[in-house]
Amino acid sequence: MKFNFVHNNINVFDLEKSITFYKEALGFKEVKRHNQVNGEFILVYLEDGETNYQLELTWLRDRKEAYNLGDNEIHMAVRTDEFDAAFEKHKKLNCICYENKEMGLYFISDPDGYWTEILPNK
C-alpha cells in the first residue's frame, strides 16, 4: 500500500490577504477554488508550479476571531535555489519571524500567524 502527499490545509481569516501573501512571498498560484453553495466556506488551492503538492486555504464565513495556533510548532517547509535573494525579499515584506543562522534557515509568518520554514537547496 502506497500513500502520496496531496495537500495541507490551513484556516485563514482573510482569504484574499492570505492568497496575496503566498503569491508575493512564495510565488504560489491559485489553481482551484470551491465556493460552498450556501456561502458557509470557500476553499482555495495553491501550487508552486513545479510539484503536485497543494496548500489548501479554508475561509469560514462565520469565523470572527483569530485562530489559536498553539505554540506554532506545526509548519510547512519550502526549499529555494535563491536563498539569499529570498531572505532579502522576505525581509522587505517584513514577514521573517525567526532566524536560525547556525542551521542556515529562517521562518516567515503569514497574515494568520502560520509559519513557513525557508531552506536552501543543497
N, C-alpha and C. Protein backbone atom coordinates (compact mmCIF):
# COMPACT_ATOMS: atom_id res chain seq x y z
N MET A 1 0.85 -1.17 0.00
CA MET A 1 0.00 0.00 0.00
C MET A 1 0.89 1.23 0.00
N LYS A 2 0.59 2.18 -0.88
CA LYS A 2 1.40 3.38 -1.02
C LYS A 2 0.52 4.61 -0.84
N PHE A 3 1.05 5.62 -0.17
CA PHE A 3 0.36 6.89 0.01
C PHE A 3 1.23 8.01 -0.54
N ASN A 4 0.61 9.03 -1.11
CA ASN A 4 1.31 10.19 -1.62
C ASN A 4 0.72 11.45 -1.01
N PHE A 5 1.57 12.41 -0.71
CA PHE A 5 1.09 13.69 -0.22
C PHE A 5 0.23 14.35 -1.30
N VAL A 6 -0.86 14.99 -0.88
CA VAL A 6 -1.74 15.71 -1.78
C VAL A 6 -1.76 17.20 -1.40
N HIS A 7 -2.16 17.48 -0.15
CA HIS A 7 -2.21 18.87 0.29
C HIS A 7 -2.22 18.96 1.81
N ASN A 8 -1.94 20.15 2.28
CA ASN A 8 -2.15 20.53 3.67
C ASN A 8 -3.18 21.64 3.68
N ASN A 9 -3.93 21.70 4.75
CA ASN A 9 -4.95 22.73 4.89
C ASN A 9 -4.61 23.65 6.06
N ILE A 10 -4.86 24.94 5.86
CA ILE A 10 -4.84 25.89 6.96
C ILE A 10 -6.09 26.75 6.85
N ASN A 11 -6.64 27.12 7.98
CA ASN A 11 -7.80 28.00 8.00
C ASN A 11 -7.31 29.44 8.10
N VAL A 12 -7.89 30.31 7.27
CA VAL A 12 -7.44 31.70 7.22
C VAL A 12 -8.60 32.64 7.50
N PHE A 13 -8.29 33.76 8.10
CA PHE A 13 -9.29 34.74 8.49
C PHE A 13 -9.66 35.67 7.33
N ASP A 14 -8.67 36.10 6.55
CA ASP A 14 -8.89 36.99 5.41
C ASP A 14 -8.31 36.29 4.18
N LEU A 15 -9.19 35.67 3.39
CA LEU A 15 -8.77 34.83 2.28
C LEU A 15 -7.93 35.59 1.26
N GLU A 16 -8.39 36.74 0.82
CA GLU A 16 -7.65 37.48 -0.21
C GLU A 16 -6.29 37.94 0.29
N LYS A 17 -6.22 38.35 1.54
CA LYS A 17 -4.93 38.75 2.13
C LYS A 17 -3.96 37.57 2.15
N SER A 18 -4.47 36.39 2.48
CA SER A 18 -3.62 35.19 2.51
C SER A 18 -3.17 34.78 1.12
N ILE A 19 -4.07 34.82 0.15
CA ILE A 19 -3.70 34.48 -1.23
C ILE A 19 -2.60 35.43 -1.70
N THR A 20 -2.77 36.72 -1.44
CA THR A 20 -1.76 37.71 -1.84
C THR A 20 -0.43 37.44 -1.16
N PHE A 21 -0.46 37.11 0.13
CA PHE A 21 0.78 36.81 0.86
C PHE A 21 1.52 35.64 0.21
N TYR A 22 0.84 34.53 -0.01
CA TYR A 22 1.52 33.35 -0.56
C TYR A 22 1.99 33.58 -1.99
N LYS A 23 1.29 34.41 -2.73
CA LYS A 23 1.74 34.75 -4.08
C LYS A 23 3.01 35.60 -4.01
N GLU A 24 2.99 36.67 -3.19
CA GLU A 24 4.13 37.57 -3.10
C GLU A 24 5.34 36.94 -2.42
N ALA A 25 5.10 36.23 -1.32
CA ALA A 25 6.22 35.70 -0.52
C ALA A 25 6.82 34.44 -1.11
N LEU A 26 5.98 33.57 -1.71
CA LEU A 26 6.48 32.27 -2.15
C LEU A 26 6.19 31.95 -3.62
N GLY A 27 5.48 32.82 -4.29
CA GLY A 27 5.18 32.58 -5.71
C GLY A 27 4.11 31.53 -5.94
N PHE A 28 3.35 31.18 -4.92
CA PHE A 28 2.28 30.19 -5.07
C PHE A 28 1.12 30.81 -5.84
N LYS A 29 0.47 30.00 -6.69
CA LYS A 29 -0.63 30.48 -7.50
C LYS A 29 -1.89 29.68 -7.23
N GLU A 30 -3.01 30.37 -7.27
CA GLU A 30 -4.30 29.70 -7.11
C GLU A 30 -4.57 28.83 -8.33
N VAL A 31 -4.92 27.56 -8.08
CA VAL A 31 -5.20 26.63 -9.18
C VAL A 31 -6.63 26.09 -9.14
N LYS A 32 -7.28 26.23 -8.00
CA LYS A 32 -8.63 25.71 -7.89
C LYS A 32 -9.33 26.42 -6.74
N ARG A 33 -10.65 26.59 -6.88
CA ARG A 33 -11.44 27.25 -5.85
C ARG A 33 -12.79 26.54 -5.76
N HIS A 34 -13.25 26.37 -4.53
CA HIS A 34 -14.59 25.83 -4.29
C HIS A 34 -15.34 26.81 -3.40
N ASN A 35 -16.43 27.36 -3.93
CA ASN A 35 -17.32 28.23 -3.16
C ASN A 35 -18.51 27.38 -2.74
N GLN A 36 -18.65 27.15 -1.46
CA GLN A 36 -19.80 26.39 -0.97
C GLN A 36 -21.08 27.12 -1.35
N VAL A 37 -22.05 26.39 -1.85
CA VAL A 37 -23.29 26.97 -2.37
C VAL A 37 -23.95 27.93 -1.38
N ASN A 38 -23.99 27.58 -0.12
CA ASN A 38 -24.64 28.43 0.87
C ASN A 38 -23.73 29.54 1.40
N GLY A 39 -22.51 29.65 0.88
CA GLY A 39 -21.58 30.70 1.29
C GLY A 39 -20.88 30.46 2.61
N GLU A 40 -21.09 29.28 3.18
CA GLU A 40 -20.53 28.96 4.50
C GLU A 40 -19.01 28.93 4.52
N PHE A 41 -18.39 28.48 3.41
CA PHE A 41 -16.94 28.44 3.36
C PHE A 41 -16.46 28.52 1.91
N ILE A 42 -15.18 28.86 1.76
CA ILE A 42 -14.50 28.87 0.47
C ILE A 42 -13.19 28.12 0.65
N LEU A 43 -12.88 27.26 -0.29
CA LEU A 43 -11.59 26.55 -0.32
C LEU A 43 -10.80 27.05 -1.52
N VAL A 44 -9.55 27.40 -1.30
CA VAL A 44 -8.66 27.82 -2.38
C VAL A 44 -7.42 26.96 -2.31
N TYR A 45 -7.03 26.41 -3.45
CA TYR A 45 -5.85 25.55 -3.54
C TYR A 45 -4.74 26.29 -4.27
N LEU A 46 -3.56 26.31 -3.65
CA LEU A 46 -2.38 26.98 -4.20
C LEU A 46 -1.33 25.94 -4.55
N GLU A 47 -0.58 26.20 -5.61
CA GLU A 47 0.53 25.33 -6.01
C GLU A 47 1.77 26.15 -6.30
N ASP A 48 2.91 25.46 -6.27
CA ASP A 48 4.19 26.12 -6.55
C ASP A 48 4.54 26.11 -8.04
N GLY A 49 3.78 25.42 -8.86
CA GLY A 49 4.03 25.39 -10.30
C GLY A 49 5.03 24.33 -10.72
N GLU A 50 5.62 23.61 -9.77
CA GLU A 50 6.60 22.57 -10.11
C GLU A 50 6.20 21.20 -9.60
N THR A 51 5.55 21.15 -8.45
CA THR A 51 5.13 19.87 -7.88
C THR A 51 3.61 19.80 -7.90
N ASN A 52 3.06 18.65 -7.56
CA ASN A 52 1.61 18.49 -7.49
C ASN A 52 1.07 18.80 -6.10
N TYR A 53 1.95 19.10 -5.18
CA TYR A 53 1.56 19.34 -3.80
C TYR A 53 0.82 20.67 -3.70
N GLN A 54 -0.24 20.70 -2.90
CA GLN A 54 -1.05 21.90 -2.78
C GLN A 54 -1.17 22.36 -1.33
N LEU A 55 -1.34 23.67 -1.19
CA LEU A 55 -1.70 24.27 0.08
C LEU A 55 -3.15 24.69 -0.05
N GLU A 56 -4.00 24.14 0.80
CA GLU A 56 -5.42 24.45 0.78
C GLU A 56 -5.71 25.51 1.85
N LEU A 57 -6.29 26.63 1.42
CA LEU A 57 -6.70 27.68 2.34
C LEU A 57 -8.21 27.57 2.52
N THR A 58 -8.65 27.52 3.76
CA THR A 58 -10.08 27.47 4.05
C THR A 58 -10.50 28.74 4.75
N TRP A 59 -11.50 29.40 4.16
CA TRP A 59 -12.11 30.59 4.76
C TRP A 59 -13.50 30.21 5.24
N LEU A 60 -13.80 30.49 6.50
CA LEU A 60 -15.09 30.19 7.09
C LEU A 60 -15.85 31.49 7.32
N ARG A 61 -17.01 31.61 6.71
CA ARG A 61 -17.81 32.84 6.76
C ARG A 61 -18.10 33.30 8.19
N ASP A 62 -18.43 32.38 9.06
CA ASP A 62 -18.87 32.76 10.41
C ASP A 62 -17.74 32.92 11.41
N ARG A 63 -16.52 32.75 10.99
CA ARG A 63 -15.38 32.90 11.90
C ARG A 63 -15.15 34.37 12.20
N LYS A 64 -15.15 34.73 13.47
CA LYS A 64 -14.98 36.13 13.86
C LYS A 64 -13.69 36.39 14.62
N GLU A 65 -13.07 35.33 15.16
CA GLU A 65 -11.86 35.52 15.95
C GLU A 65 -10.67 34.81 15.28
N ALA A 66 -9.49 35.30 15.61
CA ALA A 66 -8.26 34.71 15.06
C ALA A 66 -8.14 33.25 15.51
N TYR A 67 -7.43 32.47 14.72
CA TYR A 67 -7.22 31.06 15.05
C TYR A 67 -6.16 30.90 16.12
N ASN A 68 -6.35 29.94 17.00
CA ASN A 68 -5.38 29.62 18.04
C ASN A 68 -4.37 28.65 17.44
N LEU A 69 -3.16 29.10 17.25
CA LEU A 69 -2.12 28.27 16.63
C LEU A 69 -1.24 27.58 17.66
N GLY A 70 -1.62 27.63 18.91
CA GLY A 70 -0.84 26.96 19.94
C GLY A 70 0.58 27.50 19.99
N ASP A 71 1.53 26.61 20.09
CA ASP A 71 2.94 27.01 20.14
C ASP A 71 3.55 27.15 18.75
N ASN A 72 2.73 26.97 17.72
CA ASN A 72 3.14 27.15 16.33
C ASN A 72 4.30 26.22 15.95
N GLU A 73 4.32 25.04 16.50
CA GLU A 73 5.37 24.08 16.16
C GLU A 73 5.05 23.34 14.86
N ILE A 74 3.78 23.35 14.45
CA ILE A 74 3.40 22.72 13.18
C ILE A 74 3.61 23.77 12.09
N HIS A 75 4.34 23.41 11.06
CA HIS A 75 4.63 24.35 9.99
C HIS A 75 4.91 23.59 8.70
N MET A 76 4.93 24.29 7.59
CA MET A 76 5.37 23.68 6.34
C MET A 76 6.75 24.22 6.04
N ALA A 77 7.44 23.56 5.13
CA ALA A 77 8.79 23.98 4.75
C ALA A 77 8.90 23.98 3.24
N VAL A 78 9.66 24.93 2.72
CA VAL A 78 9.95 25.00 1.29
C VAL A 78 11.44 25.19 1.10
N ARG A 79 11.92 24.78 -0.06
CA ARG A 79 13.33 24.96 -0.44
C ARG A 79 13.40 25.93 -1.60
N THR A 80 14.54 26.64 -1.70
CA THR A 80 14.75 27.56 -2.80
C THR A 80 16.21 27.53 -3.26
N ASP A 81 16.39 27.74 -4.56
CA ASP A 81 17.73 27.86 -5.12
C ASP A 81 18.32 29.24 -4.86
N GLU A 82 17.47 30.19 -4.50
CA GLU A 82 17.90 31.56 -4.31
C GLU A 82 17.66 31.99 -2.87
N PHE A 83 18.32 31.31 -1.95
CA PHE A 83 18.09 31.52 -0.53
C PHE A 83 18.37 32.96 -0.10
N ASP A 84 19.51 33.52 -0.51
CA ASP A 84 19.86 34.88 -0.09
C ASP A 84 18.88 35.91 -0.65
N ALA A 85 18.49 35.76 -1.90
CA ALA A 85 17.51 36.67 -2.51
C ALA A 85 16.15 36.52 -1.83
N ALA A 86 15.79 35.29 -1.49
CA ALA A 86 14.52 35.05 -0.79
C ALA A 86 14.54 35.73 0.57
N PHE A 87 15.67 35.61 1.27
CA PHE A 87 15.79 36.25 2.59
C PHE A 87 15.59 37.76 2.47
N GLU A 88 16.23 38.38 1.49
CA GLU A 88 16.09 39.83 1.30
C GLU A 88 14.65 40.21 0.95
N LYS A 89 14.03 39.41 0.09
CA LYS A 89 12.63 39.66 -0.28
C LYS A 89 11.73 39.58 0.95
N HIS A 90 11.91 38.54 1.76
CA HIS A 90 11.08 38.36 2.95
C HIS A 90 11.35 39.43 4.00
N LYS A 91 12.60 39.89 4.03
CA LYS A 91 12.94 40.99 4.94
C LYS A 91 12.17 42.26 4.53
N LYS A 92 12.11 42.53 3.22
CA LYS A 92 11.38 43.69 2.73
C LYS A 92 9.87 43.54 2.98
N LEU A 93 9.37 42.31 2.90
CA LEU A 93 7.95 42.07 3.17
C LEU A 93 7.65 42.07 4.68
N ASN A 94 8.70 42.15 5.48
CA ASN A 94 8.58 42.18 6.94
C ASN A 94 7.83 40.96 7.49
N CYS A 95 8.14 39.79 6.92
CA CYS A 95 7.43 38.59 7.36
C CYS A 95 8.36 37.56 8.02
N ILE A 96 9.64 37.86 8.17
CA ILE A 96 10.55 36.94 8.85
C ILE A 96 10.24 36.98 10.34
N CYS A 97 9.98 35.82 10.90
CA CYS A 97 9.61 35.78 12.31
C CYS A 97 10.65 35.04 13.16
N TYR A 98 11.55 34.29 12.52
CA TYR A 98 12.57 33.58 13.28
C TYR A 98 13.71 33.21 12.34
N GLU A 99 14.93 33.41 12.80
CA GLU A 99 16.13 33.02 12.05
C GLU A 99 16.96 32.06 12.87
N ASN A 100 17.51 31.06 12.22
CA ASN A 100 18.48 30.18 12.85
C ASN A 100 19.68 30.12 11.91
N LYS A 101 20.59 31.06 12.09
CA LYS A 101 21.76 31.16 11.21
C LYS A 101 22.65 29.94 11.32
N GLU A 102 22.74 29.36 12.50
CA GLU A 102 23.57 28.17 12.70
C GLU A 102 23.09 27.01 11.82
N MET A 103 21.79 26.87 11.68
CA MET A 103 21.22 25.80 10.86
C MET A 103 21.00 26.23 9.41
N GLY A 104 21.19 27.53 9.13
CA GLY A 104 21.06 28.03 7.77
C GLY A 104 19.62 28.06 7.27
N LEU A 105 18.70 28.49 8.14
CA LEU A 105 17.30 28.55 7.76
C LEU A 105 16.62 29.69 8.48
N TYR A 106 15.42 30.00 8.03
CA TYR A 106 14.60 31.00 8.71
C TYR A 106 13.13 30.68 8.47
N PHE A 107 12.27 31.36 9.19
CA PHE A 107 10.83 31.16 9.07
C PHE A 107 10.17 32.48 8.71
N ILE A 108 9.10 32.39 7.92
CA ILE A 108 8.25 33.54 7.67
C ILE A 108 6.88 33.25 8.26
N SER A 109 6.13 34.31 8.56
CA SER A 109 4.81 34.17 9.15
C SER A 109 3.78 34.81 8.23
N ASP A 110 2.69 34.09 7.98
CA ASP A 110 1.63 34.62 7.10
C ASP A 110 0.68 35.52 7.90
N PRO A 111 -0.33 36.10 7.26
CA PRO A 111 -1.23 37.04 7.96
C PRO A 111 -1.96 36.44 9.17
N ASP A 112 -2.12 35.12 9.19
CA ASP A 112 -2.79 34.47 10.33
C ASP A 112 -1.81 33.94 11.37
N GLY A 113 -0.52 34.07 11.11
CA GLY A 113 0.49 33.62 12.07
C GLY A 113 1.04 32.23 11.80
N TYR A 114 0.65 31.61 10.68
CA TYR A 114 1.23 30.31 10.33
C TYR A 114 2.66 30.52 9.85
N TRP A 115 3.54 29.62 10.26
CA TRP A 115 4.94 29.73 9.89
C TRP A 115 5.28 28.82 8.70
N THR A 116 6.19 29.31 7.86
CA THR A 116 6.77 28.52 6.78
C THR A 116 8.28 28.58 6.93
N GLU A 117 8.91 27.41 6.95
CA GLU A 117 10.36 27.32 7.05
C GLU A 117 10.95 27.45 5.67
N ILE A 118 11.97 28.30 5.55
CA ILE A 118 12.65 28.52 4.27
C ILE A 118 14.04 27.89 4.37
N LEU A 119 14.29 26.96 3.45
CA LEU A 119 15.54 26.21 3.42
C LEU A 119 16.24 26.40 2.07
N PRO A 120 17.57 26.42 2.07
CA PRO A 120 18.28 26.45 0.79
C PRO A 120 18.30 25.06 0.16
N ASN A 121 18.28 25.02 -1.17
CA ASN A 121 18.56 23.74 -1.84
C ASN A 121 20.01 23.42 -1.61
N LYS A 122 20.31 22.18 -1.34
CA LYS A 122 21.70 21.81 -1.08
C LYS A 122 22.19 20.87 -2.12
